[in-house]
C-alpha atoms as a PDB file:
ATOM      1  CA  UNK A   1      -9.596 -29.926 113.594  1.00  0.00           C
ATOM      2  CA  UNK A   2      -6.180 -30.210 111.976  1.00  0.00           C
ATOM      3  CA  UNK A   3      -3.158 -28.906 113.778  1.00  0.00           C
ATOM      4  CA  UNK A   4      -0.758 -26.699 111.830  1.00  0.00           C
ATOM      5  CA  UNK A   5       2.294 -28.032 113.740  1.00  0.00           C
ATOM      6  CA  UNK A   6       2.973 -30.972 115.993  1.00  0.00           C
ATOM      7  CA  UNK A   7       2.197 -30.679 119.635  1.00  0.00           C
ATOM      8  CA  UNK A   8      -0.603 -31.149 122.106  1.00  0.00           C
ATOM      9  CA  UNK A   9      -3.631 -29.009 121.532  1.00  0.00           C
ATOM     10  CA  UNK A  10      -5.003 -26.872 124.330  1.00  0.00           C
ATOM     11  CA  UNK A  11      -8.256 -28.203 125.854  1.00  0.00           C
ATOM     12  CA  UNK A  12     -11.258 -26.755 124.084  1.00  0.00           C
ATOM     13  CA  UNK A  13      -9.106 -24.900 121.528  1.00  0.00           C
ATOM     14  CA  UNK A  14      -8.240 -27.438 118.821  1.00  0.00           C
ATOM     15  CA  UNK A  15      -5.158 -26.954 116.708  1.00  0.00           C
ATOM     16  CA  UNK A  16      -3.258 -24.657 119.117  1.00  0.00           C
ATOM     17  CA  UNK A  17       0.041 -26.379 120.133  1.00  0.00           C
ATOM     18  CA  UNK A  18       1.323 -25.921 123.674  1.00  0.00           C
ATOM     19  CA  UNK A  19       4.711 -26.313 125.345  1.00  0.00           C
ATOM     20  CA  UNK A  20       5.376 -28.064 128.624  1.00  0.00           C
ATOM     21  CA  UNK A  21       4.256 -25.011 130.630  1.00  0.00           C
ATOM     22  CA  UNK A  22       0.951 -24.854 128.802  1.00  0.00           C
ATOM     23  CA  UNK A  23       1.848 -21.795 126.758  1.00  0.00           C
ATOM     24  CA  UNK A  24       0.923 -21.539 123.089  1.00  0.00           C
ATOM     25  CA  UNK A  25       3.891 -22.451 120.916  1.00  0.00           C
ATOM     26  CA  UNK A  26       4.223 -20.192 117.858  1.00  0.00           C
ATOM     27  CA  UNK A  27       6.238 -21.453 114.848  1.00  0.00           C
ATOM     28  CA  UNK A  28       9.510 -19.652 114.260  1.00  0.00           C
ATOM     29  CA  UNK A  29       8.393 -18.313 110.888  1.00  0.00           C
ATOM     30  CA  UNK A  30       5.314 -16.817 112.501  1.00  0.00           C
ATOM     31  CA  UNK A  31       7.409 -15.099 115.168  1.00  0.00           C
ATOM     32  CA  UNK A  32       9.701 -13.545 112.618  1.00  0.00           C
ATOM     33  CA  UNK A  33       8.441 -10.662 110.509  1.00  0.00           C
ATOM     34  CA  UNK A  34      10.717  -8.981 107.954  1.00  0.00           C
ATOM     35  CA  UNK A  35      10.687  -5.211 107.912  1.00  0.00           C
ATOM     36  CA  UNK A  36       7.823  -3.814 105.871  1.00  0.00           C
ATOM     37  CA  UNK A  37       5.833  -0.649 105.493  1.00  0.00           C
ATOM     38  CA  UNK A  38       5.724   1.507 108.597  1.00  0.00           C
ATOM     39  CA  UNK A  39       1.969   1.359 108.759  1.00  0.00           C
ATOM     40  CA  UNK A  40       2.026  -2.434 108.659  1.00  0.00           C
ATOM     41  CA  UNK A  41       4.470  -2.530 111.547  1.00  0.00           C
ATOM     42  CA  UNK A  42       2.019  -0.557 113.614  1.00  0.00           C
ATOM     43  CA  UNK A  43      -0.978  -2.699 112.709  1.00  0.00           C
ATOM     44  CA  UNK A  44      -2.066  -5.156 115.322  1.00  0.00           C
ATOM     45  CA  UNK A  45      -5.523  -6.259 114.110  1.00  0.00           C
ATOM     46  CA  UNK A  46      -7.504  -8.778 116.148  1.00  0.00           C
ATOM     47  CA  UNK A  47      -7.015 -11.732 113.794  1.00  0.00           C
ATOM     48  CA  UNK A  48      -4.186 -13.188 111.809  1.00  0.00           C
ATOM     49  CA  UNK A  49      -3.898 -14.499 108.323  1.00  0.00           C
ATOM     50  CA  UNK A  50      -1.204 -15.465 105.946  1.00  0.00           C
ATOM     51  CA  UNK A  51      -1.906 -16.086 102.328  1.00  0.00           C
ATOM     52  CA  UNK A  52       0.335 -18.147 100.130  1.00  0.00           C
ATOM     53  CA  UNK A  53       0.321 -20.809  97.485  1.00  0.00           C
ATOM     54  CA  UNK A  54       0.510 -24.442  98.455  1.00  0.00           C
ATOM     55  CA  UNK A  55       4.072 -24.607  97.075  1.00  0.00           C
ATOM     56  CA  UNK A  56       7.128 -22.383  97.596  1.00  0.00           C
ATOM     57  CA  UNK A  57       5.586 -20.696 100.605  1.00  0.00           C
ATOM     58  CA  UNK A  58       7.044 -17.306 101.548  1.00  0.00           C
ATOM     59  CA  UNK A  59       5.831 -15.643 104.793  1.00  0.00           C
ATOM     60  CA  UNK A  60       3.956 -12.361 104.315  1.00  0.00           C
ATOM     61  CA  UNK A  61       5.690  -9.595 106.313  1.00  0.00           C
ATOM     62  CA  UNK A  62       3.003  -8.627 108.772  1.00  0.00           C
ATOM     63  CA  UNK A  63       2.819  -9.032 112.568  1.00  0.00           C
ATOM     64  CA  UNK A  64      -0.806 -10.133 112.268  1.00  0.00           C
ATOM     65  CA  UNK A  65       0.385 -13.425 110.833  1.00  0.00           C
ATOM     66  CA  UNK A  66       1.297 -15.054 114.133  1.00  0.00           C
ATOM     67  CA  UNK A  67      -1.112 -17.824 114.947  1.00  0.00           C
ATOM     68  CA  UNK A  68      -4.271 -16.531 116.686  1.00  0.00           C
ATOM     69  CA  UNK A  69      -5.976 -18.294 119.559  1.00  0.00           C
ATOM     70  CA  UNK A  70      -9.484 -19.005 118.369  1.00  0.00           C
ATOM     71  CA  UNK A  71     -12.543 -20.138 120.282  1.00  0.00           C
ATOM     72  CA  UNK A  72     -14.478 -23.180 119.088  1.00  0.00           C
ATOM     73  CA  UNK A  73     -17.880 -21.436 119.159  1.00  0.00           C
ATOM     74  CA  UNK A  74     -16.883 -18.706 116.725  1.00  0.00           C
ATOM     75  CA  UNK A  75     -13.972 -20.057 114.682  1.00  0.00           C
ATOM     76  CA  UNK A  76     -15.526 -19.160 111.342  1.00  0.00           C
ATOM     77  CA  UNK A  77     -16.366 -15.639 112.486  1.00  0.00           C
ATOM     78  CA  UNK A  78     -12.870 -15.034 113.823  1.00  0.00           C
ATOM     79  CA  UNK A  79     -11.271 -16.394 110.667  1.00  0.00           C
ATOM     80  CA  UNK A  80     -13.538 -14.188 108.536  1.00  0.00           C
ATOM     81  CA  UNK A  81     -12.625 -11.107 110.588  1.00  0.00           C
ATOM     82  CA  UNK A  82      -8.913 -11.934 110.287  1.00  0.00           C
ATOM     83  CA  UNK A  83      -9.164 -12.450 106.531  1.00  0.00           C
ATOM     84  CA  UNK A  84     -10.979  -9.138 106.138  1.00  0.00           C
ATOM     85  CA  UNK A  85      -8.260  -7.415 108.135  1.00  0.00           C
ATOM     86  CA  UNK A  86      -5.546  -8.999 106.006  1.00  0.00           C
ATOM     87  CA  UNK A  87      -7.438  -8.002 102.870  1.00  0.00           C
ATOM     88  CA  UNK A  88      -7.644  -4.333 103.869  1.00  0.00           C
ATOM     89  CA  UNK A  89      -4.025  -4.328 105.064  1.00  0.00           C
ATOM     90  CA  UNK A  90      -2.919  -5.666 101.691  1.00  0.00           C
ATOM     91  CA  UNK A  91      -1.606  -8.990 103.001  1.00  0.00           C
ATOM     92  CA  UNK A  92      -4.004 -10.842 100.717  1.00  0.00           C
ATOM     93  CA  UNK A  93      -2.671  -9.481  97.461  1.00  0.00           C
ATOM     94  CA  UNK A  94      -4.945  -8.839  94.463  1.00  0.00           C
ATOM     95  CA  UNK A  95      -4.533 -11.501  91.782  1.00  0.00           C
ATOM     96  CA  UNK A  96      -2.939 -14.048  94.141  1.00  0.00           C
ATOM     97  CA  UNK A  97      -4.491 -17.463  94.823  1.00  0.00           C
ATOM     98  CA  UNK A  98      -4.678 -18.754  98.402  1.00  0.00           C
ATOM     99  CA  UNK A  99      -5.601 -22.275  99.463  1.00  0.00           C
ATOM    100  CA  UNK A 100      -7.831 -23.016 102.440  1.00  0.00           C
ATOM    101  CA  UNK A 101      -5.610 -25.878 103.745  1.00  0.00           C
ATOM    102  CA  UNK A 102      -2.479 -23.710 103.837  1.00  0.00           C
ATOM    103  CA  UNK A 103      -4.292 -20.802 105.486  1.00  0.00           C
ATOM    104  CA  UNK A 104      -5.844 -23.287 107.903  1.00  0.00           C
ATOM    105  CA  UNK A 105      -2.398 -24.431 108.986  1.00  0.00           C
ATOM    106  CA  UNK A 106      -1.445 -20.858 109.769  1.00  0.00           C
ATOM    107  CA  UNK A 107      -4.542 -20.485 111.932  1.00  0.00           C
ATOM    108  CA  UNK A 108      -4.086 -23.868 113.582  1.00  0.00           C
ATOM    109  CA  UNK A 109      -7.525 -24.987 112.411  1.00  0.00           C
ATOM    110  CA  UNK A 110      -8.864 -27.256 109.714  1.00  0.00           C
ATOM    111  CA  UNK A 111      -9.477 -25.997 106.197  1.00  0.00           C
ATOM    112  CA  UNK A 112     -13.253 -26.042 106.715  1.00  0.00           C
ATOM    113  CA  UNK A 113     -13.762 -22.741 108.616  1.00  0.00           C
ATOM    114  CA  UNK A 114     -11.237 -21.031 106.346  1.00  0.00           C
ATOM    115  CA  UNK A 115     -13.061 -22.281 103.269  1.00  0.00           C
ATOM    116  CA  UNK A 116     -16.392 -21.132 104.713  1.00  0.00           C
ATOM    117  CA  UNK A 117     -14.962 -17.689 105.457  1.00  0.00           C
ATOM    118  CA  UNK A 118     -13.487 -17.451 101.959  1.00  0.00           C
ATOM    119  CA  UNK A 119     -16.851 -18.424 100.474  1.00  0.00           C
ATOM    120  CA  UNK A 120     -18.404 -15.524 102.372  1.00  0.00           C
ATOM    121  CA  UNK A 121     -15.756 -13.205 100.932  1.00  0.00           C
ATOM    122  CA  UNK A 122     -16.624 -14.601  97.501  1.00  0.00           C
ATOM    123  CA  UNK A 123     -20.264 -13.648  98.059  1.00  0.00           C
ATOM    124  CA  UNK A 124     -19.089 -10.153  98.988  1.00  0.00           C
ATOM    125  CA  UNK A 125     -17.022  -9.947  95.806  1.00  0.00           C
ATOM    126  CA  UNK A 126     -13.611  -9.845  97.476  1.00  0.00           C
ATOM    127  CA  UNK A 127     -12.350 -13.162  96.110  1.00  0.00           C
ATOM    128  CA  UNK A 128     -13.297 -15.617  93.401  1.00  0.00           C
ATOM    129  CA  UNK A 129     -13.196 -19.401  93.458  1.00  0.00           C
ATOM    130  CA  UNK A 130     -10.417 -21.072  91.483  1.00  0.00           C
ATOM    131  CA  UNK A 131     -11.370 -24.763  91.041  1.00  0.00           C
ATOM    132  CA  UNK A 132      -8.895 -27.215  92.594  1.00  0.00           C
ATOM    133  CA  UNK A 133      -6.631 -24.374  93.733  1.00  0.00           C
ATOM    134  CA  UNK A 134      -8.367 -22.088  96.206  1.00  0.00           C
ATOM    135  CA  UNK A 135      -9.468 -18.475  96.083  1.00  0.00           C
ATOM    136  CA  UNK A 136      -8.079 -15.590  94.066  1.00  0.00           C
ATOM    137  CA  UNK A 137      -8.249 -12.054  95.465  1.00  0.00           C
ATOM    138  CA  UNK A 138     -10.183  -9.935  92.992  1.00  0.00           C
ATOM    139  CA  UNK A 139      -8.177  -7.382  91.024  1.00  0.00           C
ATOM    140  CA  UNK A 140      -9.763  -3.929  91.174  1.00  0.00           C
ATOM    141  CA  UNK A 141      -8.941  -0.526  89.746  1.00  0.00           C
ATOM    142  CA  UNK A 142      -9.494   3.162  90.391  1.00  0.00           C
ATOM    143  CA  UNK A 143     -12.673   3.248  88.326  1.00  0.00           C
ATOM    144  CA  UNK A 144     -14.379   0.657  90.535  1.00  0.00           C
ATOM    145  CA  UNK A 145     -13.417   2.598  93.644  1.00  0.00           C
ATOM    146  CA  UNK A 146     -14.860   5.794  92.151  1.00  0.00           C
ATOM    147  CA  UNK A 147     -18.079   3.971  91.259  1.00  0.00           C
ATOM    148  CA  UNK A 148     -18.412   2.638  94.800  1.00  0.00           C
ATOM    149  CA  UNK A 149     -17.850   6.121  96.226  1.00  0.00           C
ATOM    150  CA  UNK A 150     -20.534   7.507  93.935  1.00  0.00           C
ATOM    151  CA  UNK A 151     -23.070   4.888  94.980  1.00  0.00           C
ATOM    152  CA  UNK A 152     -22.218   5.416  98.648  1.00  0.00           C
ATOM    153  CA  UNK A 153     -22.763   9.149  98.233  1.00  0.00           C
ATOM    154  CA  UNK A 154     -26.145   8.592  96.561  1.00  0.00           C
ATOM    155  CA  UNK A 155     -27.248   6.519  99.543  1.00  0.00           C
ATOM    156  CA  UNK A 156     -25.588   8.148 102.542  1.00  0.00           C
ATOM    157  CA  UNK A 157     -25.568  11.865 101.744  1.00  0.00           C
ATOM    158  CA  UNK A 158     -29.373  12.327 101.522  1.00  0.00           C
ATOM    159  CA  UNK A 159     -29.851  10.273 104.690  1.00  0.00           C
ATOM    160  CA  UNK A 160     -27.231  12.246 106.626  1.00  0.00           C
ATOM    161  CA  UNK A 161     -28.706  15.549 105.460  1.00  0.00           C
ATOM    162  CA  UNK A 162     -32.146  14.434 106.641  1.00  0.00           C
ATOM    163  CA  UNK A 163     -30.730  13.302 109.969  1.00  0.00           C
ATOM    164  CA  UNK A 164     -28.979  16.664 110.353  1.00  0.00           C
ATOM    165  CA  UNK A 165     -32.407  18.318 110.335  1.00  0.00           C
ATOM    166  CA  UNK A 166     -34.214  15.846 112.581  1.00  0.00           C
ATOM    167  CA  UNK A 167     -31.823  14.306 115.124  1.00  0.00           C
ATOM    168  CA  UNK A 168     -31.425  16.276 118.387  1.00  0.00           C
ATOM    169  CA  UNK A 169     -28.015  17.584 119.410  1.00  0.00           C
ATOM    170  CA  UNK A 170     -27.666  15.211 122.360  1.00  0.00           C
ATOM    171  CA  UNK A 171     -27.881  12.187 120.061  1.00  0.00           C
ATOM    172  CA  UNK A 172     -25.053  13.516 117.935  1.00  0.00           C
ATOM    173  CA  UNK A 173     -22.977  14.155 121.046  1.00  0.00           C
ATOM    174  CA  UNK A 174     -23.308  10.467 121.946  1.00  0.00           C
ATOM    175  CA  UNK A 175     -21.390   9.563 118.772  1.00  0.00           C
ATOM    176  CA  UNK A 176     -18.347  11.662 119.635  1.00  0.00           C
ATOM    177  CA  UNK A 177     -16.412   8.760 121.249  1.00  0.00           C
ATOM    178  CA  UNK A 178     -16.723   6.870 117.964  1.00  0.00           C
ATOM    179  CA  UNK A 179     -15.424   9.849 115.990  1.00  0.00           C
ATOM    180  CA  UNK A 180     -12.527  10.192 118.422  1.00  0.00           C
ATOM    181  CA  UNK A 181     -11.811   6.481 117.942  1.00  0.00           C
ATOM    182  CA  UNK A 182     -11.365   7.090 114.206  1.00  0.00           C
ATOM    183  CA  UNK A 183      -8.876   9.861 115.012  1.00  0.00           C
ATOM    184  CA  UNK A 184      -6.845   7.520 117.221  1.00  0.00           C
ATOM    185  CA  UNK A 185      -6.939   4.819 114.565  1.00  0.00           C
ATOM    186  CA  UNK A 186      -5.802   7.300 111.921  1.00  0.00           C
ATOM    187  CA  UNK A 187      -2.926   8.424 114.131  1.00  0.00           C
ATOM    188  CA  UNK A 188      -1.705   4.818 114.317  1.00  0.00           C
ATOM    189  CA  UNK A 189      -1.286   4.804 110.552  1.00  0.00           C
ATOM    190  CA  UNK A 190      -2.765   1.318 110.335  1.00  0.00           C
ATOM    191  CA  UNK A 191      -5.214   1.126 107.439  1.00  0.00           C
ATOM    192  CA  UNK A 192      -6.931  -1.992 108.766  1.00  0.00           C
ATOM    193  CA  UNK A 193      -7.498  -0.453 112.192  1.00  0.00           C
ATOM    194  CA  UNK A 194      -8.800   2.752 110.652  1.00  0.00           C
ATOM    195  CA  UNK A 195     -11.069   0.881 108.244  1.00  0.00           C
ATOM    196  CA  UNK A 196     -12.864  -0.798 111.147  1.00  0.00           C
ATOM    197  CA  UNK A 197     -13.224   2.416 113.174  1.00  0.00           C
ATOM    198  CA  UNK A 198     -14.459   4.272 110.098  1.00  0.00           C
ATOM    199  CA  UNK A 199     -17.141   1.650 109.389  1.00  0.00           C
ATOM    200  CA  UNK A 200     -18.279   1.696 113.010  1.00  0.00           C
ATOM    201  CA  UNK A 201     -18.704   5.484 112.934  1.00  0.00           C
ATOM    202  CA  UNK A 202     -20.620   5.563 109.652  1.00  0.00           C
ATOM    203  CA  UNK A 203     -22.806   2.658 110.748  1.00  0.00           C
ATOM    204  CA  UNK A 204     -23.678   4.465 113.989  1.00  0.00           C
ATOM    205  CA  UNK A 205     -24.672   7.592 112.065  1.00  0.00           C
ATOM    206  CA  UNK A 206     -26.872   5.701 109.608  1.00  0.00           C
ATOM    207  CA  UNK A 207     -28.422   3.631 112.410  1.00  0.00           C
ATOM    208  CA  UNK A 208     -30.091   6.840 113.584  1.00  0.00           C
ATOM    209  CA  UNK A 209     -32.284   6.545 110.473  1.00  0.00           C
ATOM    210  CA  UNK A 210     -33.932   3.422 111.894  1.00  0.00           C
ATOM    211  CA  UNK A 211     -33.612   1.711 108.503  1.00  0.00           C
ATOM    212  CA  UNK A 212     -31.789  -1.592 109.009  1.00  0.00           C
ATOM    213  CA  UNK A 213     -31.814  -2.451 105.298  1.00  0.00           C
ATOM    214  CA  UNK A 214     -30.144   0.842 104.451  1.00  0.00           C
ATOM    215  CA  UNK A 215     -27.509   0.305 107.130  1.00  0.00           C
ATOM    216  CA  UNK A 216     -26.717  -3.167 105.776  1.00  0.00           C
ATOM    217  CA  UNK A 217     -26.427  -2.047 102.157  1.00  0.00           C
ATOM    218  CA  UNK A 218     -24.313   0.981 103.060  1.00  0.00           C
ATOM    219  CA  UNK A 219     -21.939  -1.064 105.200  1.00  0.00           C
ATOM    220  CA  UNK A 220     -21.443  -3.614 102.425  1.00  0.00           C
ATOM    221  CA  UNK A 221     -20.556  -0.821  99.984  1.00  0.00           C
ATOM    222  CA  UNK A 222     -18.280   0.774 102.581  1.00  0.00           C
ATOM    223  CA  UNK A 223     -16.406  -2.489 103.153  1.00  0.00           C
ATOM    224  CA  UNK A 224     -15.954  -3.022  99.412  1.00  0.00           C
ATOM    225  CA  UNK A 225     -14.529   0.483  99.047  1.00  0.00           C
ATOM    226  CA  UNK A 226     -11.775  -0.396 101.535  1.00  0.00           C
ATOM    227  CA  UNK A 227     -10.330  -3.348  99.619  1.00  0.00           C
ATOM    228  CA  UNK A 228      -6.866  -2.880  98.113  1.00  0.00           C
ATOM    229  CA  UNK A 229      -6.357  -1.655  94.573  1.00  0.00           C
ATOM    230  CA  UNK A 230      -3.820  -2.652  91.930  1.00  0.00           C
ATOM    231  CA  UNK A 231      -1.948  -0.536  89.403  1.00  0.00           C
ATOM    232  CA  UNK A 232      -2.411   2.490  91.649  1.00  0.00           C
ATOM    233  CA  UNK A 233       0.699   4.683  92.115  1.00  0.00           C
ATOM    234  CA  UNK A 234      -0.428   6.045  95.482  1.00  0.00           C
ATOM    235  CA  UNK A 235      -2.626   4.909  98.332  1.00  0.00           C
ATOM    236  CA  UNK A 236      -4.121   6.453 101.410  1.00  0.00           C
ATOM    237  CA  UNK A 237      -1.367   7.203 103.885  1.00  0.00           C
ATOM    238  CA  UNK A 238      -1.449   8.395 107.499  1.00  0.00           C
ATOM    239  CA  UNK A 239      -2.102  12.013 106.484  1.00  0.00           C
ATOM    240  CA  UNK A 240      -5.116  10.972 104.402  1.00  0.00           C
ATOM    241  CA  UNK A 241      -6.526   8.950 107.282  1.00  0.00           C
ATOM    242  CA  UNK A 242      -6.061  11.853 109.702  1.00  0.00           C
ATOM    243  CA  UNK A 243      -7.824  14.239 107.313  1.00  0.00           C
ATOM    244  CA  UNK A 244     -10.719  11.810 106.976  1.00  0.00           C
ATOM    245  CA  UNK A 245     -11.026  11.388 110.756  1.00  0.00           C
ATOM    246  CA  UNK A 246     -10.845  15.154 111.298  1.00  0.00           C
ATOM    247  CA  UNK A 247     -13.898  15.538 109.082  1.00  0.00           C
ATOM    248  CA  UNK A 248     -15.799  13.149 111.354  1.00  0.00           C
ATOM    249  CA  UNK A 249     -15.073  15.338 114.368  1.00  0.00           C
ATOM    250  CA  UNK A 250     -15.872  18.568 112.523  1.00  0.00           C
ATOM    251  CA  UNK A 251     -19.141  17.109 111.269  1.00  0.00           C
ATOM    252  CA  UNK A 252     -20.236  16.132 114.778  1.00  0.00           C
ATOM    253  CA  UNK A 253     -19.341  19.597 116.058  1.00  0.00           C
ATOM    254  CA  UNK A 254     -21.570  21.160 113.387  1.00  0.00           C
ATOM    255  CA  UNK A 255     -24.421  18.734 114.021  1.00  0.00           C
ATOM    256  CA  UNK A 256     -24.228  19.171 117.799  1.00  0.00           C
ATOM    257  CA  UNK A 257     -24.390  22.963 117.516  1.00  0.00           C
ATOM    258  CA  UNK A 258     -27.141  22.856 114.887  1.00  0.00           C
ATOM    259  CA  UNK A 259     -24.986  24.392 112.135  1.00  0.00           C
ATOM    260  CA  UNK A 260     -26.732  22.648 109.250  1.00  0.00           C
ATOM    261  CA  UNK A 261     -25.026  24.628 106.494  1.00  0.00           C
ATOM    262  CA  UNK A 262     -21.566  23.590 107.697  1.00  0.00           C
ATOM    263  CA  UNK A 263     -22.809  20.052 108.213  1.00  0.00           C
ATOM    264  CA  UNK A 264     -24.116  19.931 104.638  1.00  0.00           C
ATOM    265  CA  UNK A 265     -20.769  21.113 103.257  1.00  0.00           C
ATOM    266  CA  UNK A 266     -18.797  18.625 105.351  1.00  0.00           C
ATOM    267  CA  UNK A 267     -21.030  15.702 104.410  1.00  0.00           C
ATOM    268  CA  UNK A 268     -20.726  16.406 100.701  1.00  0.00           C
ATOM    269  CA  UNK A 269     -17.004  17.095 100.932  1.00  0.00           C
ATOM    270  CA  UNK A 270     -16.414  13.899 102.880  1.00  0.00           C
ATOM    271  CA  UNK A 271     -17.727  11.692 100.091  1.00  0.00           C
ATOM    272  CA  UNK A 272     -16.123  13.765  97.348  1.00  0.00           C
ATOM    273  CA  UNK A 273     -12.736  13.258  99.014  1.00  0.00           C
ATOM    274  CA  UNK A 274     -13.402   9.544  99.288  1.00  0.00           C
ATOM    275  CA  UNK A 275     -14.085   9.349  95.559  1.00  0.00           C
END
């Protein structure tokens, strides 16, 4: 694998330069992050990505951009997770083109796993291939987000209402730690962190249906609904995230106590607010 900077690579972790003491050496531009949005400063997602053109490179102001230490056995998966995080956080900007070799240098890996991860994002509709240049982040608008919310509601609401009638209270109680995790993520103000916690909670609820195909389709729609928008004057801030997480907790309270009428209202309201 190609190294992003000069230096000896750590055994078993190609592309990660080390100093004389064996510590990972991070490039100066990766250690420096200009001041940005408050929520970005709080974000510390598990991966790192920096998107830029091959020429006139300007670092993206986000602490996640420092070079990650990746394991050989799951490089592609870690790169994909980091790219998804950067996409939700807005570090991969809609309409911009990013090259696999340049992103690979920021990860300290070759272009191959980055290209494979980007191809997966292309299959998911997040980016599109630009021949001889790289991948362009898809430009989306409010209408697409509303359409995704509508489709999600058509799938998830009936399933949740059925589960509210059939799943015993103790099973709902088991999901409370996941709902509380969304509240903590919302309090951090980090959209990428909240996006992951939110998907985990919804996936756990739908898993109770026993329908793996439904869970997969719903999660794909959920992920797409979290991608950044363009030409939108406002976006979900910390207060919006907290309100969303509070609904998770209130819904579990209603389901645990068997209050189906309240649960029905909360479920329908939850998706209406998302739209």
